Amino acid sequence: MQSGKFLENQISLNRDELVKEVAQIFGFGRTGTFVESVMLAGFEKAVMRGFARVEAERVYLVE
């Protein structure tokens, strides 16, 4: 998971910052509504599967 690799190098990131960083990793120059909604859905799936957790709008990688 590319966003997981990015989070390994950070303590945590605000959701909006994470969306922008992951979009850049995947080669998107801009993050429009569609890209943002897909990224957020992916983050929610990571939380549901226990790979990440969200506290106060910040996303943390679960170790």
PDB file of N, CA and C in Angstrom:
ATOM      1  N   MET A   1       0.844  -1.166   0.000  1.00  0.00           N
ATOM      2  CA  MET A   1       0.000   0.000   0.000  1.00  0.00           C
ATOM      3  C   MET A   1       0.896   1.237   0.000  1.00  0.00           C
ATOM      4  N   GLN A   2       0.775   2.051  -1.026  1.00  0.00           N
ATOM      5  CA  GLN A   2       1.621   3.233  -1.160  1.00  0.00           C
ATOM      6  C   GLN A   2       1.422   4.226  -0.020  1.00  0.00           C
ATOM      7  N   SER A   3       0.171   4.478   0.395  1.00  0.00           N
ATOM      8  CA  SER A   3      -0.055   5.444   1.467  1.00  0.00           C
ATOM      9  C   SER A   3       0.532   4.932   2.774  1.00  0.00           C
ATOM     10  N   GLY A   4       0.527   3.615   2.966  1.00  0.00           N
ATOM     11  CA  GLY A   4       1.148   3.038   4.153  1.00  0.00           C
ATOM     12  C   GLY A   4       2.632   3.309   4.179  1.00  0.00           C
ATOM     13  N   LYS A   5       3.302   3.175   3.041  1.00  0.00           N
ATOM     14  CA  LYS A   5       4.736   3.476   2.954  1.00  0.00           C
ATOM     15  C   LYS A   5       4.990   4.924   3.328  1.00  0.00           C
ATOM     16  N   PHE A   6       4.125   5.816   2.854  1.00  0.00           N
ATOM     17  CA  PHE A   6       4.307   7.225   3.179  1.00  0.00           C
ATOM     18  C   PHE A   6       4.111   7.463   4.667  1.00  0.00           C
ATOM     19  N   LEU A   7       3.087   6.848   5.258  1.00  0.00           N
ATOM     20  CA  LEU A   7       2.818   7.045   6.685  1.00  0.00           C
ATOM     21  C   LEU A   7       3.911   6.447   7.563  1.00  0.00           C
ATOM     22  N   GLU A   8       4.624   5.442   7.068  1.00  0.00           N
ATOM     23  CA  GLU A   8       5.716   4.870   7.851  1.00  0.00           C
ATOM     24  C   GLU A   8       6.777   5.931   8.152  1.00  0.00           C
ATOM     25  N   ASN A   9       6.931   6.907   7.269  1.00  0.00           N
ATOM     26  CA  ASN A   9       7.939   7.951   7.435  1.00  0.00           C
ATOM     27  C   ASN A   9       7.428   9.142   8.247  1.00  0.00           C
ATOM     28  N   GLN A  10       6.162   9.154   8.583  1.00  0.00           N
ATOM     29  CA  GLN A  10       5.542  10.260   9.317  1.00  0.00           C
ATOM     30  C   GLN A  10       4.955   9.711  10.620  1.00  0.00           C
ATOM     31  N   ILE A  11       4.773  10.583  11.609  1.00  0.00           N
ATOM     32  CA  ILE A  11       4.086  10.167  12.828  1.00  0.00           C
ATOM     33  C   ILE A  11       2.596  10.044  12.539  1.00  0.00           C
ATOM     34  N   SER A  12       2.045  11.076  11.939  1.00  0.00           N
ATOM     35  CA  SER A  12       0.651  11.084  11.508  1.00  0.00           C
ATOM     36  C   SER A  12       0.488  12.246  10.541  1.00  0.00           C
ATOM     37  N   LEU A  13      -0.610  12.234   9.825  1.00  0.00           N
ATOM     38  CA  LEU A  13      -0.905  13.335   8.907  1.00  0.00           C
ATOM     39  C   LEU A  13      -2.375  13.680   8.988  1.00  0.00           C
ATOM     40  N   ASN A  14      -2.671  14.952   8.795  1.00  0.00           N
ATOM     41  CA  ASN A  14      -4.037  15.406   8.648  1.00  0.00           C
ATOM     42  C   ASN A  14      -4.605  14.736   7.398  1.00  0.00           C
ATOM     43  N   ARG A  15      -5.890  14.402   7.406  1.00  0.00           N
ATOM     44  CA  ARG A  15      -6.500  13.720   6.248  1.00  0.00           C
ATOM     45  C   ARG A  15      -6.264  14.473   4.943  1.00  0.00           C
ATOM     46  N   ASP A  16      -6.448  15.795   4.955  1.00  0.00           N
ATOM     47  CA  ASP A  16      -6.274  16.582   3.735  1.00  0.00           C
ATOM     48  C   ASP A  16      -4.836  16.512   3.223  1.00  0.00           C
ATOM     49  N   GLU A  17      -3.876  16.586   4.140  1.00  0.00           N
ATOM     50  CA  GLU A  17      -2.468  16.483   3.752  1.00  0.00           C
ATOM     51  C   GLU A  17      -2.171  15.105   3.170  1.00  0.00           C
ATOM     52  N   LEU A  18      -2.733  14.081   3.799  1.00  0.00           N
ATOM     53  CA  LEU A  18      -2.509  12.711   3.322  1.00  0.00           C
ATOM     54  C   LEU A  18      -3.093  12.509   1.926  1.00  0.00           C
ATOM     55  N   VAL A  19      -4.272  13.067   1.692  1.00  0.00           N
ATOM     56  CA  VAL A  19      -4.881  12.977   0.355  1.00  0.00           C
ATOM     57  C   VAL A  19      -3.938  13.580  -0.683  1.00  0.00           C
ATOM     58  N   LYS A  20      -3.402  14.760  -0.412  1.00  0.00           N
ATOM     59  CA  LYS A  20      -2.508  15.427  -1.369  1.00  0.00           C
ATOM     60  C   LYS A  20      -1.226  14.627  -1.594  1.00  0.00           C
ATOM     61  N   GLU A  21      -0.644  14.123  -0.513  1.00  0.00           N
ATOM     62  CA  GLU A  21       0.611  13.373  -0.631  1.00  0.00           C
ATOM     63  C   GLU A  21       0.418  12.065  -1.395  1.00  0.00           C
ATOM     64  N   VAL A  22      -0.647  11.347  -1.091  1.00  0.00           N
ATOM     65  CA  VAL A  22      -0.900  10.068  -1.784  1.00  0.00           C
ATOM     66  C   VAL A  22      -1.249  10.320  -3.246  1.00  0.00           C
ATOM     67  N   ALA A  23      -1.990  11.378  -3.523  1.00  0.00           N
ATOM     68  CA  ALA A  23      -2.303  11.722  -4.918  1.00  0.00           C
ATOM     69  C   ALA A  23      -1.018  11.971  -5.701  1.00  0.00           C
ATOM     70  N   GLN A  24      -0.066  12.664  -5.100  1.00  0.00           N
ATOM     71  CA  GLN A  24       1.220  12.902  -5.767  1.00  0.00           C
ATOM     72  C   GLN A  24       1.965  11.596  -5.998  1.00  0.00           C
ATOM     73  N   ILE A  25       1.943  10.696  -5.014  1.00  0.00           N
ATOM     74  CA  ILE A  25       2.608   9.396  -5.163  1.00  0.00           C
ATOM     75  C   ILE A  25       2.053   8.656  -6.378  1.00  0.00           C
ATOM     76  N   PHE A  26       0.731   8.751  -6.583  1.00  0.00           N
ATOM     77  CA  PHE A  26       0.097   8.058  -7.703  1.00  0.00           C
ATOM     78  C   PHE A  26       0.097   8.878  -8.992  1.00  0.00           C
ATOM     79  N   GLY A  27       0.753  10.040  -8.981  1.00  0.00           N
ATOM     80  CA  GLY A  27       0.928  10.806 -10.212  1.00  0.00           C
ATOM     81  C   GLY A  27      -0.168  11.798 -10.543  1.00  0.00           C
ATOM     82  N   PHE A  28      -1.066  12.074  -9.612  1.00  0.00           N
ATOM     83  CA  PHE A  28      -2.109  13.065  -9.861  1.00  0.00           C
ATOM     84  C   PHE A  28      -1.549  14.450  -9.566  1.00  0.00           C
ATOM     85  N   GLY A  29      -1.678  15.356 -10.521  1.00  0.00           N
ATOM     86  CA  GLY A  29      -1.195  16.712 -10.338  1.00  0.00           C
ATOM     87  C   GLY A  29      -2.085  17.535  -9.432  1.00  0.00           C
ATOM     88  N   ARG A  30      -3.386  17.232  -9.467  1.00  0.00           N
ATOM     89  CA  ARG A  30      -4.351  17.961  -8.634  1.00  0.00           C
ATOM     90  C   ARG A  30      -5.271  16.960  -7.952  1.00  0.00           C
ATOM     91  N   THR A  31      -5.864  17.402  -6.873  1.00  0.00           N
ATOM     92  CA  THR A  31      -6.822  16.529  -6.182  1.00  0.00           C
ATOM     93  C   THR A  31      -8.198  17.163  -6.262  1.00  0.00           C
ATOM     94  N   GLY A  32      -8.954  16.766  -7.246  1.00  0.00           N
ATOM     95  CA  GLY A  32     -10.329  17.235  -7.376  1.00  0.00           C
ATOM     96  C   GLY A  32     -11.243  16.437  -6.461  1.00  0.00           C
ATOM     97  N   THR A  33     -12.520  16.686  -6.583  1.00  0.00           N
ATOM     98  CA  THR A  33     -13.490  16.030  -5.711  1.00  0.00           C
ATOM     99  C   THR A  33     -13.490  14.521  -5.877  1.00  0.00           C
ATOM    100  N   PHE A  34     -13.374  14.048  -7.106  1.00  0.00           N
ATOM    101  CA  PHE A  34     -13.391  12.606  -7.341  1.00  0.00           C
ATOM    102  C   PHE A  34     -12.169  11.927  -6.724  1.00  0.00           C
ATOM    103  N   VAL A  35     -10.982  12.462  -7.001  1.00  0.00           N
ATOM    104  CA  VAL A  35      -9.748  11.874  -6.462  1.00  0.00           C
ATOM    105  C   VAL A  35      -9.802  11.885  -4.937  1.00  0.00           C
ATOM    106  N   GLU A  36     -10.229  13.000  -4.366  1.00  0.00           N
ATOM    107  CA  GLU A  36     -10.309  13.106  -2.905  1.00  0.00           C
ATOM    108  C   GLU A  36     -11.278  12.084  -2.328  1.00  0.00           C
ATOM    109  N   SER A  37     -12.437  11.908  -2.943  1.00  0.00           N
ATOM    110  CA  SER A  37     -13.417  10.960  -2.416  1.00  0.00           C
ATOM    111  C   SER A  37     -12.918   9.523  -2.500  1.00  0.00           C
ATOM    112  N   VAL A  38     -12.196   9.193  -3.571  1.00  0.00           N
ATOM    113  CA  VAL A  38     -11.635   7.850  -3.704  1.00  0.00           C
ATOM    114  C   VAL A  38     -10.541   7.617  -2.667  1.00  0.00           C
ATOM    115  N   MET A  39      -9.697   8.618  -2.454  1.00  0.00           N
ATOM    116  CA  MET A  39      -8.642   8.506  -1.442  1.00  0.00           C
ATOM    117  C   MET A  39      -9.244   8.318  -0.052  1.00  0.00           C
ATOM    118  N   LEU A  40     -10.248   9.129   0.282  1.00  0.00           N
ATOM    119  CA  LEU A  40     -10.879   9.018   1.599  1.00  0.00           C
ATOM    120  C   LEU A  40     -11.544   7.661   1.792  1.00  0.00           C
ATOM    121  N   ALA A  41     -12.141   7.128   0.731  1.00  0.00           N
ATOM    122  CA  ALA A  41     -12.736   5.793   0.818  1.00  0.00           C
ATOM    123  C   ALA A  41     -11.654   4.741   1.076  1.00  0.00           C
ATOM    124  N   GLY A  42     -10.508   4.910   0.446  1.00  0.00           N
ATOM    125  CA  GLY A  42      -9.389   3.997   0.678  1.00  0.00           C
ATOM    126  C   GLY A  42      -8.880   4.079   2.100  1.00  0.00           C
ATOM    127  N   PHE A  43      -8.813   5.298   2.647  1.00  0.00           N
ATOM    128  CA  PHE A  43      -8.369   5.452   4.039  1.00  0.00           C
ATOM    129  C   PHE A  43      -9.360   4.788   4.991  1.00  0.00           C
ATOM    130  N   GLU A  44     -10.655   4.957   4.718  1.00  0.00           N
ATOM    131  CA  GLU A  44     -11.674   4.339   5.570  1.00  0.00           C
ATOM    132  C   GLU A  44     -11.566   2.815   5.523  1.00  0.00           C
ATOM    133  N   LYS A  45     -11.288   2.274   4.346  1.00  0.00           N
ATOM    134  CA  LYS A  45     -11.113   0.822   4.223  1.00  0.00           C
ATOM    135  C   LYS A  45      -9.887   0.372   5.020  1.00  0.00           C
ATOM    136  N   ALA A  46      -8.814   1.162   4.996  1.00  0.00           N
ATOM    137  CA  ALA A  46      -7.616   0.832   5.774  1.00  0.00           C
ATOM    138  C   ALA A  46      -7.933   0.837   7.268  1.00  0.00           C
ATOM    139  N   VAL A  47      -8.766   1.777   7.698  1.00  0.00           N
ATOM    140  CA  VAL A  47      -9.172   1.827   9.105  1.00  0.00           C
ATOM    141  C   VAL A  47     -10.014   0.599   9.440  1.00  0.00           C
ATOM    142  N   MET A  48     -10.976   0.266   8.580  1.00  0.00           N
ATOM    143  CA  MET A  48     -11.843  -0.897   8.818  1.00  0.00           C
ATOM    144  C   MET A  48     -11.037  -2.185   8.897  1.00  0.00           C
ATOM    145  N   ARG A  49      -9.969  -2.285   8.134  1.00  0.00           N
ATOM    146  CA  ARG A  49      -9.143  -3.497   8.126  1.00  0.00           C
ATOM    147  C   ARG A  49      -8.057  -3.478   9.199  1.00  0.00           C
ATOM    148  N   GLY A  50      -7.977  -2.385   9.950  1.00  0.00           N
ATOM    149  CA  GLY A  50      -7.027  -2.312  11.046  1.00  0.00           C
ATOM    150  C   GLY A  50      -5.623  -1.884  10.662  1.00  0.00           C
ATOM    151  N   PHE A  51      -5.440  -1.347   9.463  1.00  0.00           N
ATOM    152  CA  PHE A  51      -4.126  -0.889   9.019  1.00  0.00           C
ATOM    153  C   PHE A  51      -3.824   0.535   9.481  1.00  0.00           C
ATOM    154  N   ALA A  52      -4.889   1.312   9.742  1.00  0.00           N
ATOM    155  CA  ALA A  52      -4.728   2.708  10.132  1.00  0.00           C
ATOM    156  C   ALA A  52      -5.793   3.057  11.163  1.00  0.00           C
ATOM    157  N   ARG A  53      -5.567   4.171  11.847  1.00  0.00           N
ATOM    158  CA  ARG A  53      -6.581   4.680  12.766  1.00  0.00           C
ATOM    159  C   ARG A  53      -6.657   6.188  12.583  1.00  0.00           C
ATOM    160  N   VAL A  54      -7.817   6.760  12.901  1.00  0.00           N
ATOM    161  CA  VAL A  54      -8.030   8.194  12.768  1.00  0.00           C
ATOM    162  C   VAL A  54      -8.388   8.746  14.139  1.00  0.00           C
ATOM    163  N   GLU A  55      -7.667   9.783  14.534  1.00  0.00           N
ATOM    164  CA  GLU A  55      -7.953  10.491  15.778  1.00  0.00           C
ATOM    165  C   GLU A  55      -7.860  11.982  15.495  1.00  0.00           C
ATOM    166  N   ALA A  56      -8.934  12.689  15.813  1.00  0.00           N
ATOM    167  CA  ALA A  56      -8.969  14.143  15.639  1.00  0.00           C
ATOM    168  C   ALA A  56      -8.506  14.570  14.238  1.00  0.00           C
ATOM    169  N   GLU A  57      -9.077  13.925  13.218  1.00  0.00           N
ATOM    170  CA  GLU A  57      -8.782  14.240  11.814  1.00  0.00           C
ATOM    171  C   GLU A  57      -7.354  13.925  11.375  1.00  0.00           C
ATOM    172  N   ARG A  58      -6.612  13.201  12.190  1.00  0.00           N
ATOM    173  CA  ARG A  58      -5.248  12.795  11.811  1.00  0.00           C
ATOM    174  C   ARG A  58      -5.243  11.284  11.591  1.00  0.00           C
ATOM    175  N   VAL A  59      -4.519  10.850  10.578  1.00  0.00           N
ATOM    176  CA  VAL A  59      -4.445   9.431  10.232  1.00  0.00           C
ATOM    177  C   VAL A  59      -3.105   8.887  10.725  1.00  0.00           C
ATOM    178  N   TYR A  60      -3.173   7.769  11.428  1.00  0.00           N
ATOM    179  CA  TYR A  60      -1.998   7.102  11.975  1.00  0.00           C
ATOM    180  C   TYR A  60      -1.922   5.694  11.399  1.00  0.00           C
ATOM    181  N   LEU A  61      -0.738   5.233  11.105  1.00  0.00           N
ATOM    182  CA  LEU A  61      -0.526   3.863  10.669  1.00  0.00           C
ATOM    183  C   LEU A  61      -0.502   2.978  11.902  1.00  0.00           C
ATOM    184  N   VAL A  62      -1.243   1.882  11.883  1.00  0.00           N
ATOM    185  CA  VAL A  62      -1.266   0.948  13.009  1.00  0.00           C
ATOM    186  C   VAL A  62      -0.126  -0.039  12.827  1.00  0.00           C
ATOM    187  N   GLU A  63       0.656  -0.211  13.871  1.00  0.00           N
ATOM    188  CA  GLU A  63       1.811  -1.123  13.785  1.00  0.00           C
ATOM    189  C   GLU A  63       1.467  -2.476  14.341  1.00  0.00           C
TER     190      GLU A  63
END
